[in-house]
Amino acid sequence: MELGVVFPQTEIGSDPIVIRDYAQAAEQLGYHHLLVYDHVVGGHPDRFQGALRAPYTHEHPFHEPFVLFGYLAALTTRLELVTGVLILPQRQTVLVAKQATEVDVLSGGRLRLGVGIGWNFVEYEALGQPFQNRAARITEQIRLLRALWTEELVTFHGRYHTIDRAAILPRPARPIPIWMGGTADPVLRRAARLADGWFPQAPPGPELEDQLARLRRYVREAGRPEDAVGVEGRFTLAQIPEAQWAPTVQRWRELGATYLSVNTMGAGLASPQAHIDAIRRFKELVEG
């Protein structure tokens, strides 16, 4: 199981030197990957009514993943760059294929593209994309991304996309891995059919064990080997006492996770250096 870090989007600030230092520290500490959340805009809390409580608003800063990865690709040498997740249906598919390719080419094949449908209808509205059919569109988007990454000339006639003898160039040296987020049963079935990996949101426990069992069953039903779909857990420091760090990491290993990312946001850390200190402490404790 590979250990990574969640880029502290909402707490790291905008100083490019600070961002560089964080990514390079993660690499020097031996972390395998850096995972980035995606939000283009945040809505005012008044926009969200009823049961929906927005975890992020217009007051939370987010760096754009592809631009950030272009910057970090030149400042690191082996750190895998992961979106966890890019809200794919609110973006133009062909442009995503091009941007993802550019990151992968310029980083030497270090991109892993996590995608999902998201929850923030305000973003979809601001970006001029429909919110209600986002689940249907992402399936077609993934098919198109893979065609654009692998085919010399693409002709594609789908429900939402039409391409007549066109292509992107350069293309990545390999099909970029596509991972999916989400926990609803239709999402698990979609990930089992289409994805190279899945991001669960629950910690180790009965809920996660049930989700993993269903995912693996759906993978088999799709005619794929179980190990065709990796699993990346999330470890949120603010939710787990330090004495439980190592046992929790071990539990993720026992559950068959292939990756685990440590999230330092929300832990009351006062500075970017404190985030670096936290990932250093985590590495020391869980790896002995």
C-alpha atoms as a PDB file:
ATOM      1  CA  MET A   1       0.000   0.000   0.000  1.00  0.00           C
ATOM      2  CA  GLU A   2       1.411   3.352  -1.083  1.00  0.00           C
ATOM      3  CA  LEU A   3       1.139   6.375   1.232  1.00  0.00           C
ATOM      4  CA  GLY A   4       0.319   9.828  -0.123  1.00  0.00           C
ATOM      5  CA  VAL A   5      -0.724  13.256   1.091  1.00  0.00           C
ATOM      6  CA  VAL A   6      -3.818  15.338   0.462  1.00  0.00           C
ATOM      7  CA  PHE A   7      -2.741  18.775  -0.721  1.00  0.00           C
ATOM      8  CA  PRO A   8      -4.096  21.177   1.934  1.00  0.00           C
ATOM      9  CA  GLN A   9      -6.043  23.259  -0.581  1.00  0.00           C
ATOM     10  CA  THR A  10      -8.036  25.377   1.836  1.00  0.00           C
ATOM     11  CA  GLU A  11      -5.208  26.124   4.274  1.00  0.00           C
ATOM     12  CA  ILE A  12      -1.945  26.400   2.350  1.00  0.00           C
ATOM     13  CA  GLY A  13      -2.510  29.853   0.834  1.00  0.00           C
ATOM     14  CA  SER A  14      -1.282  31.280  -2.466  1.00  0.00           C
ATOM     15  CA  ASP A  15       2.469  31.746  -2.056  1.00  0.00           C
ATOM     16  CA  PRO A  16       4.075  29.674  -4.859  1.00  0.00           C
ATOM     17  CA  ILE A  17       7.227  29.130  -2.785  1.00  0.00           C
ATOM     18  CA  VAL A  18       5.178  27.691   0.088  1.00  0.00           C
ATOM     19  CA  ILE A  19       3.367  25.385  -2.337  1.00  0.00           C
ATOM     20  CA  ARG A  20       6.687  24.291  -3.831  1.00  0.00           C
ATOM     21  CA  ASP A  21       8.141  23.616  -0.383  1.00  0.00           C
ATOM     22  CA  TYR A  22       5.158  21.501   0.642  1.00  0.00           C
ATOM     23  CA  ALA A  23       5.266  19.300  -2.470  1.00  0.00           C
ATOM     24  CA  GLN A  24       9.026  18.874  -2.294  1.00  0.00           C
ATOM     25  CA  ALA A  25       8.835  18.043   1.406  1.00  0.00           C
ATOM     26  CA  ALA A  26       6.236  15.356   0.710  1.00  0.00           C
ATOM     27  CA  GLU A  27       8.502  13.881  -1.961  1.00  0.00           C
ATOM     28  CA  GLN A  28      11.601  14.034   0.235  1.00  0.00           C
ATOM     29  CA  LEU A  29       9.726  12.338   3.075  1.00  0.00           C
ATOM     30  CA  GLY A  30       9.084   9.400   0.776  1.00  0.00           C
ATOM     31  CA  TYR A  31       5.411   9.887   0.053  1.00  0.00           C
ATOM     32  CA  HIS A  32       4.276   8.255  -3.161  1.00  0.00           C
ATOM     33  CA  HIS A  33       1.648  10.735  -4.331  1.00  0.00           C
ATOM     34  CA  LEU A  34      -0.044  14.075  -3.802  1.00  0.00           C
ATOM     35  CA  LEU A  35      -3.830  14.190  -4.098  1.00  0.00           C
ATOM     36  CA  VAL A  36      -5.719  17.391  -4.914  1.00  0.00           C
ATOM     37  CA  TYR A  37      -9.394  18.266  -4.442  1.00  0.00           C
ATOM     38  CA  ASP A  38     -11.232  20.196  -7.177  1.00  0.00           C
ATOM     39  CA  HIS A  39     -13.628  23.136  -6.954  1.00  0.00           C
ATOM     40  CA  VAL A  40     -13.783  25.893  -9.553  1.00  0.00           C
ATOM     41  CA  VAL A  41     -16.118  28.206  -7.633  1.00  0.00           C
ATOM     42  CA  GLY A  42     -17.737  28.147  -4.235  1.00  0.00           C
ATOM     43  CA  GLY A  43     -21.283  29.260  -3.570  1.00  0.00           C
ATOM     44  CA  HIS A  44     -22.645  31.441  -0.807  1.00  0.00           C
ATOM     45  CA  PRO A  45     -24.179  29.287   1.966  1.00  0.00           C
ATOM     46  CA  ASP A  46     -27.594  30.784   1.203  1.00  0.00           C
ATOM     47  CA  ARG A  47     -27.557  28.926  -2.132  1.00  0.00           C
ATOM     48  CA  PHE A  48     -27.730  25.573  -0.357  1.00  0.00           C
ATOM     49  CA  GLN A  49     -31.060  24.751   1.203  1.00  0.00           C
ATOM     50  CA  GLY A  50     -32.647  21.757   2.918  1.00  0.00           C
ATOM     51  CA  ALA A  51     -30.536  18.680   3.574  1.00  0.00           C
ATOM     52  CA  LEU A  52     -27.553  19.875   1.536  1.00  0.00           C
ATOM     53  CA  ARG A  53     -24.905  21.480   3.724  1.00  0.00           C
ATOM     54  CA  ALA A  54     -22.030  22.733   1.620  1.00  0.00           C
ATOM     55  CA  PRO A  55     -18.650  21.684   3.071  1.00  0.00           C
ATOM     56  CA  TYR A  56     -17.043  24.445   1.009  1.00  0.00           C
ATOM     57  CA  THR A  57     -18.295  27.953   0.237  1.00  0.00           C
ATOM     58  CA  HIS A  58     -17.166  31.089  -1.593  1.00  0.00           C
ATOM     59  CA  GLU A  59     -14.717  31.706   1.278  1.00  0.00           C
ATOM     60  CA  HIS A  60     -12.659  28.527   0.695  1.00  0.00           C
ATOM     61  CA  PRO A  61      -9.655  28.856  -1.660  1.00  0.00           C
ATOM     62  CA  PHE A  62      -8.928  26.131  -4.217  1.00  0.00           C
ATOM     63  CA  HIS A  63      -6.035  25.913  -6.675  1.00  0.00           C
ATOM     64  CA  GLU A  64      -7.011  24.587 -10.108  1.00  0.00           C
ATOM     65  CA  PRO A  65      -5.633  21.027 -10.364  1.00  0.00           C
ATOM     66  CA  PHE A  66      -4.223  20.979 -13.896  1.00  0.00           C
ATOM     67  CA  VAL A  67      -2.453  24.330 -13.566  1.00  0.00           C
ATOM     68  CA  LEU A  68      -1.168  23.340 -10.134  1.00  0.00           C
ATOM     69  CA  PHE A  69       0.113  20.026 -11.511  1.00  0.00           C
ATOM     70  CA  GLY A  70       1.856  21.780 -14.376  1.00  0.00           C
ATOM     71  CA  TYR A  71       3.700  23.838 -11.777  1.00  0.00           C
ATOM     72  CA  LEU A  72       4.504  20.898  -9.521  1.00  0.00           C
ATOM     73  CA  ALA A  73       5.583  18.648 -12.393  1.00  0.00           C
ATOM     74  CA  ALA A  74       8.610  20.889 -12.866  1.00  0.00           C
ATOM     75  CA  LEU A  75       9.418  20.979  -9.150  1.00  0.00           C
ATOM     76  CA  THR A  76       9.239  17.263  -8.340  1.00  0.00           C
ATOM     77  CA  THR A  77      10.701  14.173  -9.942  1.00  0.00           C
ATOM     78  CA  ARG A  78       8.747  11.121  -8.791  1.00  0.00           C
ATOM     79  CA  LEU A  79       5.655  12.302  -6.864  1.00  0.00           C
ATOM     80  CA  GLU A  80       2.497  10.967  -8.505  1.00  0.00           C
ATOM     81  CA  LEU A  81      -0.066  13.723  -9.142  1.00  0.00           C
ATOM     82  CA  VAL A  82      -3.645  12.692  -8.387  1.00  0.00           C
ATOM     83  CA  THR A  83      -7.001  14.429  -8.689  1.00  0.00           C
ATOM     84  CA  GLY A  84      -9.299  13.244  -5.969  1.00  0.00           C
ATOM     85  CA  VAL A  85     -11.605  14.030  -7.671  1.00  0.00           C
ATOM     86  CA  LEU A  86     -11.937  16.258 -10.721  1.00  0.00           C
ATOM     87  CA  ILE A  87     -15.617  17.078 -11.271  1.00  0.00           C
ATOM     88  CA  LEU A  88     -15.679  15.794 -14.818  1.00  0.00           C
ATOM     89  CA  PRO A  89     -19.230  16.534 -16.081  1.00  0.00           C
ATOM     90  CA  GLN A  90     -18.872  20.255 -15.377  1.00  0.00           C
ATOM     91  CA  ARG A  91     -15.876  20.397 -17.731  1.00  0.00           C
ATOM     92  CA  GLN A  92     -15.478  20.010 -21.497  1.00  0.00           C
ATOM     93  CA  THR A  93     -14.359  16.445 -22.106  1.00  0.00           C
ATOM     94  CA  VAL A  94     -11.975  17.058 -24.990  1.00  0.00           C
ATOM     95  CA  LEU A  95     -10.301  19.912 -23.138  1.00  0.00           C
ATOM     96  CA  VAL A  96      -9.862  17.661 -20.078  1.00  0.00           C
ATOM     97  CA  ALA A  97      -8.278  15.028 -22.345  1.00  0.00           C
ATOM     98  CA  LYS A  98      -5.849  17.649 -23.648  1.00  0.00           C
ATOM     99  CA  GLN A  99      -5.011  19.119 -20.231  1.00  0.00           C
ATOM    100  CA  ALA A 100      -4.569  15.718 -18.613  1.00  0.00           C
ATOM    101  CA  THR A 101      -2.324  14.615 -21.465  1.00  0.00           C
ATOM    102  CA  GLU A 102      -0.160  17.709 -21.085  1.00  0.00           C
ATOM    103  CA  VAL A 103       0.294  17.098 -17.357  1.00  0.00           C
ATOM    104  CA  ASP A 104       1.105  13.440 -17.955  1.00  0.00           C
ATOM    105  CA  VAL A 105       3.589  14.165 -20.748  1.00  0.00           C
ATOM    106  CA  LEU A 106       5.377  16.972 -18.918  1.00  0.00           C
ATOM    107  CA  SER A 107       5.526  15.051 -15.639  1.00  0.00           C
ATOM    108  CA  GLY A 108       6.903  11.901 -17.251  1.00  0.00           C
ATOM    109  CA  GLY A 109       3.741   9.827 -16.804  1.00  0.00           C
ATOM    110  CA  ARG A 110       2.887  10.802 -13.223  1.00  0.00           C
ATOM    111  CA  LEU A 111      -0.818  11.693 -13.521  1.00  0.00           C
ATOM    112  CA  ARG A 112      -3.639   9.622 -12.034  1.00  0.00           C
ATOM    113  CA  LEU A 113      -6.999  11.148 -12.938  1.00  0.00           C
ATOM    114  CA  GLY A 114      -9.684  10.706 -10.315  1.00  0.00           C
ATOM    115  CA  VAL A 115     -13.101  11.846 -11.525  1.00  0.00           C
ATOM    116  CA  GLY A 116     -16.559  12.207 -10.033  1.00  0.00           C
ATOM    117  CA  ILE A 117     -19.907  13.895 -10.571  1.00  0.00           C
ATOM    118  CA  GLY A 118     -19.816  16.210  -7.556  1.00  0.00           C
ATOM    119  CA  TRP A 119     -22.550  17.741  -5.418  1.00  0.00           C
ATOM    120  CA  ASN A 120     -22.219  21.492  -6.052  1.00  0.00           C
ATOM    121  CA  PHE A 121     -24.960  22.586  -8.449  1.00  0.00           C
ATOM    122  CA  VAL A 122     -23.709  26.174  -8.127  1.00  0.00           C
ATOM    123  CA  GLU A 123     -20.499  25.201  -9.915  1.00  0.00           C
ATOM    124  CA  TYR A 124     -22.374  23.520 -12.749  1.00  0.00           C
ATOM    125  CA  GLU A 125     -24.549  26.581 -13.127  1.00  0.00           C
ATOM    126  CA  ALA A 126     -21.532  28.918 -13.187  1.00  0.00           C
ATOM    127  CA  LEU A 127     -19.751  26.758 -15.763  1.00  0.00           C
ATOM    128  CA  GLY A 128     -22.816  26.494 -18.009  1.00  0.00           C
ATOM    129  CA  GLN A 129     -23.233  22.738 -17.660  1.00  0.00           C
ATOM    130  CA  PRO A 130     -26.405  20.788 -16.742  1.00  0.00           C
ATOM    131  CA  PHE A 131     -26.450  19.310 -13.250  1.00  0.00           C
ATOM    132  CA  GLN A 132     -29.244  16.749 -13.458  1.00  0.00           C
ATOM    133  CA  ASN A 133     -27.751  14.439 -16.122  1.00  0.00           C
ATOM    134  CA  ARG A 134     -24.184  14.490 -14.825  1.00  0.00           C
ATOM    135  CA  ALA A 135     -24.169  10.764 -13.942  1.00  0.00           C
ATOM    136  CA  ALA A 136     -25.195   9.765 -17.458  1.00  0.00           C
ATOM    137  CA  ARG A 137     -22.644  12.077 -19.041  1.00  0.00           C
ATOM    138  CA  ILE A 138     -19.632  10.874 -17.050  1.00  0.00           C
ATOM    139  CA  THR A 139     -19.920   7.364 -18.483  1.00  0.00           C
ATOM    140  CA  GLU A 140     -19.686   8.709 -22.015  1.00  0.00           C
ATOM    141  CA  GLN A 141     -16.933  11.116 -21.006  1.00  0.00           C
ATOM    142  CA  ILE A 142     -14.717   8.296 -19.763  1.00  0.00           C
ATOM    143  CA  ARG A 143     -15.169   6.376 -23.017  1.00  0.00           C
ATOM    144  CA  LEU A 144     -14.231   9.478 -24.981  1.00  0.00           C
ATOM    145  CA  LEU A 145     -11.199  10.295 -22.826  1.00  0.00           C
ATOM    146  CA  ARG A 146      -9.756   6.844 -23.424  1.00  0.00           C
ATOM    147  CA  ALA A 147     -10.392   7.058 -27.153  1.00  0.00           C
ATOM    148  CA  LEU A 148      -8.636  10.425 -27.361  1.00  0.00           C
ATOM    149  CA  TRP A 149      -5.654   9.112 -25.394  1.00  0.00           C
ATOM    150  CA  THR A 150      -5.168   5.960 -27.458  1.00  0.00           C
ATOM    151  CA  GLU A 151      -6.460   6.434 -31.000  1.00  0.00           C
ATOM    152  CA  GLU A 152      -4.618   8.129 -33.853  1.00  0.00           C
ATOM    153  CA  LEU A 153      -7.865   9.539 -35.229  1.00  0.00           C
ATOM    154  CA  VAL A 154     -11.142   9.634 -33.332  1.00  0.00           C
ATOM    155  CA  THR A 155     -14.662   9.439 -34.695  1.00  0.00           C
ATOM    156  CA  PHE A 156     -17.159   9.426 -31.850  1.00  0.00           C
ATOM    157  CA  HIS A 157     -20.928   9.768 -32.004  1.00  0.00           C
ATOM    158  CA  GLY A 158     -22.441   9.665 -28.542  1.00  0.00           C
ATOM    159  CA  ARG A 159     -25.437  11.143 -26.851  1.00  0.00           C
ATOM    160  CA  TYR A 160     -23.499  14.166 -25.589  1.00  0.00           C
ATOM    161  CA  HIS A 161     -20.386  14.289 -27.784  1.00  0.00           C
ATOM    162  CA  THR A 162     -19.670  14.260 -31.508  1.00  0.00           C
ATOM    163  CA  ILE A 163     -16.197  14.065 -33.007  1.00  0.00           C
ATOM    164  CA  ASP A 164     -15.593  13.509 -36.703  1.00  0.00           C
ATOM    165  CA  ARG A 165     -12.033  12.449 -37.544  1.00  0.00           C
ATOM    166  CA  ALA A 166     -10.118  14.529 -35.032  1.00  0.00           C
ATOM    167  CA  ALA A 167      -7.382  13.848 -32.501  1.00  0.00           C
ATOM    168  CA  ILE A 168      -5.243  15.362 -29.806  1.00  0.00           C
ATOM    169  CA  LEU A 169      -1.476  15.466 -30.159  1.00  0.00           C
ATOM    170  CA  PRO A 170       0.696  14.770 -28.306  1.00  0.00           C
ATOM    171  CA  ARG A 171      -0.973  11.781 -26.722  1.00  0.00           C
ATOM    172  CA  PRO A 172       0.124  10.215 -23.432  1.00  0.00           C
ATOM    173  CA  ALA A 173       2.570   7.340 -23.636  1.00  0.00           C
ATOM    174  CA  ARG A 174       0.008   5.148 -21.860  1.00  0.00           C
ATOM    175  CA  PRO A 175      -3.722   5.377 -21.120  1.00  0.00           C
ATOM    176  CA  ILE A 176      -3.923   7.676 -18.090  1.00  0.00           C
ATOM    177  CA  PRO A 177      -5.431   5.775 -15.129  1.00  0.00           C
ATOM    178  CA  ILE A 178      -8.984   6.881 -14.357  1.00  0.00           C
ATOM    179  CA  TRP A 179     -10.260   6.495 -10.821  1.00  0.00           C
ATOM    180  CA  MET A 180     -13.747   7.291  -9.567  1.00  0.00           C
ATOM    181  CA  GLY A 181     -15.181   8.682  -6.359  1.00  0.00           C
ATOM    182  CA  GLY A 182     -18.609   8.266  -4.775  1.00  0.00           C
ATOM    183  CA  THR A 183     -20.343   5.683  -2.628  1.00  0.00           C
ATOM    184  CA  ALA A 184     -23.899   5.242  -3.932  1.00  0.00           C
ATOM    185  CA  ASP A 185     -24.633   1.829  -5.407  1.00  0.00           C
ATOM    186  CA  PRO A 186     -24.903   3.104  -9.033  1.00  0.00           C
ATOM    187  CA  VAL A 187     -21.485   4.741  -8.555  1.00  0.00           C
ATOM    188  CA  LEU A 188     -19.957   1.480  -7.316  1.00  0.00           C
ATOM    189  CA  ARG A 189     -21.395  -0.362 -10.313  1.00  0.00           C
ATOM    190  CA  ARG A 190     -20.063   2.298 -12.684  1.00  0.00           C
ATOM    191  CA  ALA A 191     -16.610   2.177 -11.092  1.00  0.00           C
ATOM    192  CA  ALA A 192     -16.590  -1.623 -11.315  1.00  0.00           C
ATOM    193  CA  ARG A 193     -17.263  -1.437 -15.065  1.00  0.00           C
ATOM    194  CA  LEU A 194     -15.173   1.549 -16.065  1.00  0.00           C
ATOM    195  CA  ALA A 195     -12.580   2.625 -13.513  1.00  0.00           C
ATOM    196  CA  ASP A 196      -9.025   1.662 -12.689  1.00  0.00           C
ATOM    197  CA  GLY A 197      -9.650   2.474  -9.035  1.00  0.00           C
ATOM    198  CA  TRP A 198     -12.111   3.770  -6.465  1.00  0.00           C
ATOM    199  CA  PHE A 199     -11.934   6.372  -3.688  1.00  0.00           C
ATOM    200  CA  PRO A 200     -14.049   5.355  -0.677  1.00  0.00           C
ATOM    201  CA  GLN A 201     -15.094   8.011   1.822  1.00  0.00           C
ATOM    202  CA  ALA A 202     -15.849   5.895   4.897  1.00  0.00           C
ATOM    203  CA  PRO A 203     -13.195   4.880   7.449  1.00  0.00           C
ATOM    204  CA  PRO A 204     -12.531   1.210   8.204  1.00  0.00           C
ATOM    205  CA  GLY A 205     -15.651  -0.333   9.655  1.00  0.00           C
ATOM    206  CA  PRO A 206     -18.873  -2.125   8.667  1.00  0.00           C
ATOM    207  CA  GLU A 207     -19.974   0.548   6.165  1.00  0.00           C
ATOM    208  CA  LEU A 208     -16.686   0.428   4.278  1.00  0.00           C
ATOM    209  CA  GLU A 209     -16.520  -3.362   4.400  1.00  0.00           C
ATOM    210  CA  ASP A 210     -19.987  -3.565   2.846  1.00  0.00           C
ATOM    211  CA  GLN A 211     -19.033  -1.106   0.102  1.00  0.00           C
ATOM    212  CA  LEU A 212     -15.831  -2.993  -0.689  1.00  0.00           C
ATOM    213  CA  ALA A 213     -17.661  -6.310  -0.829  1.00  0.00           C
ATOM    214  CA  ARG A 214     -20.229  -4.879  -3.254  1.00  0.00           C
ATOM    215  CA  LEU A 215     -17.566  -3.209  -5.384  1.00  0.00           C
ATOM    216  CA  ARG A 216     -15.582  -6.421  -5.703  1.00  0.00           C
ATOM    217  CA  ARG A 217     -18.712  -8.388  -6.549  1.00  0.00           C
ATOM    218  CA  TYR A 218     -19.626  -5.879  -9.249  1.00  0.00           C
ATOM    219  CA  VAL A 219     -16.073  -6.048 -10.637  1.00  0.00           C
ATOM    220  CA  ARG A 220     -16.391  -9.826 -10.969  1.00  0.00           C
ATOM    221  CA  GLU A 221     -19.840  -9.487 -12.548  1.00  0.00           C
ATOM    222  CA  ALA A 222     -18.311  -7.079 -15.085  1.00  0.00           C
ATOM    223  CA  GLY A 223     -15.910  -9.842 -16.116  1.00  0.00           C
ATOM    224  CA  ARG A 224     -12.850  -8.171 -14.631  1.00  0.00           C
ATOM    225  CA  PRO A 225     -10.357  -9.496 -12.068  1.00  0.00           C
ATOM    226  CA  GLU A 226     -10.827  -7.967  -8.622  1.00  0.00           C
ATOM    227  CA  ASP A 227      -7.380  -6.395  -8.649  1.00  0.00           C
ATOM    228  CA  ALA A 228      -8.269  -4.464 -11.820  1.00  0.00           C
ATOM    229  CA  VAL A 229      -9.851  -1.817  -9.577  1.00  0.00           C
ATOM    230  CA  GLY A 230      -7.572  -0.348  -6.920  1.00  0.00           C
ATOM    231  CA  VAL A 231      -8.733   1.270  -3.688  1.00  0.00           C
ATOM    232  CA  GLU A 232      -7.425   4.501  -2.150  1.00  0.00           C
ATOM    233  CA  GLY A 233      -8.376   5.217   1.448  1.00  0.00           C
ATOM    234  CA  ARG A 234      -8.477   8.611   3.119  1.00  0.00           C
ATOM    235  CA  PHE A 235      -6.915   9.188   6.542  1.00  0.00           C
ATOM    236  CA  THR A 236      -8.077  12.434   8.180  1.00  0.00           C
ATOM    237  CA  LEU A 237      -5.807  13.381  11.071  1.00  0.00           C
ATOM    238  CA  ALA A 238      -8.463  15.537  12.733  1.00  0.00           C
ATOM    239  CA  GLN A 239     -10.679  12.469  13.183  1.00  0.00           C
ATOM    240  CA  ILE A 240      -8.172   9.916  14.494  1.00  0.00           C
ATOM    241  CA  PRO A 241      -6.166  10.097  17.759  1.00  0.00           C
ATOM    242  CA  GLU A 242      -2.426   9.750  17.290  1.00  0.00           C
ATOM    243  CA  ALA A 243      -2.374   6.464  19.205  1.00  0.00           C
ATOM    244  CA  GLN A 244      -4.678   4.998  16.528  1.00  0.00           C
ATOM    245  CA  TRP A 245      -2.691   6.148  13.493  1.00  0.00           C
ATOM    246  CA  ALA A 246      -0.615   2.994  13.017  1.00  0.00           C
ATOM    247  CA  PRO A 247      -3.467   0.537  13.776  1.00  0.00           C
ATOM    248  CA  THR A 248      -5.761   2.385  11.364  1.00  0.00           C
ATOM    249  CA  VAL A 249      -3.158   2.271   8.598  1.00  0.00           C
ATOM    250  CA  GLN A 250      -2.747  -1.441   9.235  1.00  0.00           C
ATOM    251  CA  ARG A 251      -6.509  -1.922   8.990  1.00  0.00           C
ATOM    252  CA  TRP A 252      -6.513  -0.257   5.566  1.00  0.00           C
ATOM    253  CA  ARG A 253      -3.811  -2.697   4.486  1.00  0.00           C
ATOM    254  CA  GLU A 254      -5.879  -5.627   5.713  1.00  0.00           C
ATOM    255  CA  LEU A 255      -8.871  -4.360   3.734  1.00  0.00           C
ATOM    256  CA  GLY A 256      -6.784  -4.473   0.552  1.00  0.00           C
ATOM    257  CA  ALA A 257      -6.270  -0.760  -0.048  1.00  0.00           C
ATOM    258  CA  THR A 258      -3.619  -0.077  -2.659  1.00  0.00           C
ATOM    259  CA  TYR A 259      -3.160   3.586  -1.658  1.00  0.00           C
ATOM    260  CA  LEU A 260      -3.816   5.705   1.427  1.00  0.00           C
ATOM    261  CA  SER A 261      -3.698   9.504   1.585  1.00  0.00           C
ATOM    262  CA  VAL A 262      -3.320  11.502   4.790  1.00  0.00           C
ATOM    263  CA  ASN A 263      -5.423  14.670   5.040  1.00  0.00           C
ATOM    264  CA  THR A 264      -4.118  17.357   7.410  1.00  0.00           C
ATOM    265  CA  MET A 265      -6.851  19.943   6.760  1.00  0.00           C
ATOM    266  CA  GLY A 266      -9.210  20.709   9.618  1.00  0.00           C
ATOM    267  CA  ALA A 267      -6.679  19.641  12.252  1.00  0.00           C
ATOM    268  CA  GLY A 268      -6.109  23.163  13.580  1.00  0.00           C
ATOM    269  CA  LEU A 269      -2.655  23.493  12.029  1.00  0.00           C
ATOM    270  CA  ALA A 270      -1.554  27.104  12.154  1.00  0.00           C
ATOM    271  CA  SER A 271       0.802  27.310   9.179  1.00  0.00           C
ATOM    272  CA  PRO A 272       1.964  25.532   6.017  1.00  0.00           C
ATOM    273  CA  GLN A 273       5.039  24.413   7.944  1.00  0.00           C
ATOM    274  CA  ALA A 274       2.725  22.788  10.485  1.00  0.00           C
ATOM    275  CA  HIS A 275       1.198  20.733   7.660  1.00  0.00           C
ATOM    276  CA  ILE A 276       4.690  19.581   6.673  1.00  0.00           C
ATOM    277  CA  ASP A 277       5.481  18.732  10.292  1.00  0.00           C
ATOM    278  CA  ALA A 278       2.229  16.745  10.499  1.00  0.00           C
ATOM    279  CA  ILE A 279       2.955  14.600   7.454  1.00  0.00           C
ATOM    280  CA  ARG A 280       6.490  14.035   8.758  1.00  0.00           C
ATOM    281  CA  ARG A 281       5.119  12.913  12.130  1.00  0.00           C
ATOM    282  CA  PHE A 282       2.562  10.666  10.462  1.00  0.00           C
ATOM    283  CA  LYS A 283       5.227   8.958   8.350  1.00  0.00           C
ATOM    284  CA  GLU A 284       7.452   8.398  11.402  1.00  0.00           C
ATOM    285  CA  LEU A 285       4.663   6.846  13.468  1.00  0.00           C
ATOM    286  CA  VAL A 286       3.074   4.584  10.865  1.00  0.00           C
ATOM    287  CA  GLU A 287       6.330   3.313   9.351  1.00  0.00           C
ATOM    288  CA  GLY A 288       8.317   3.041  12.577  1.00  0.00           C
END
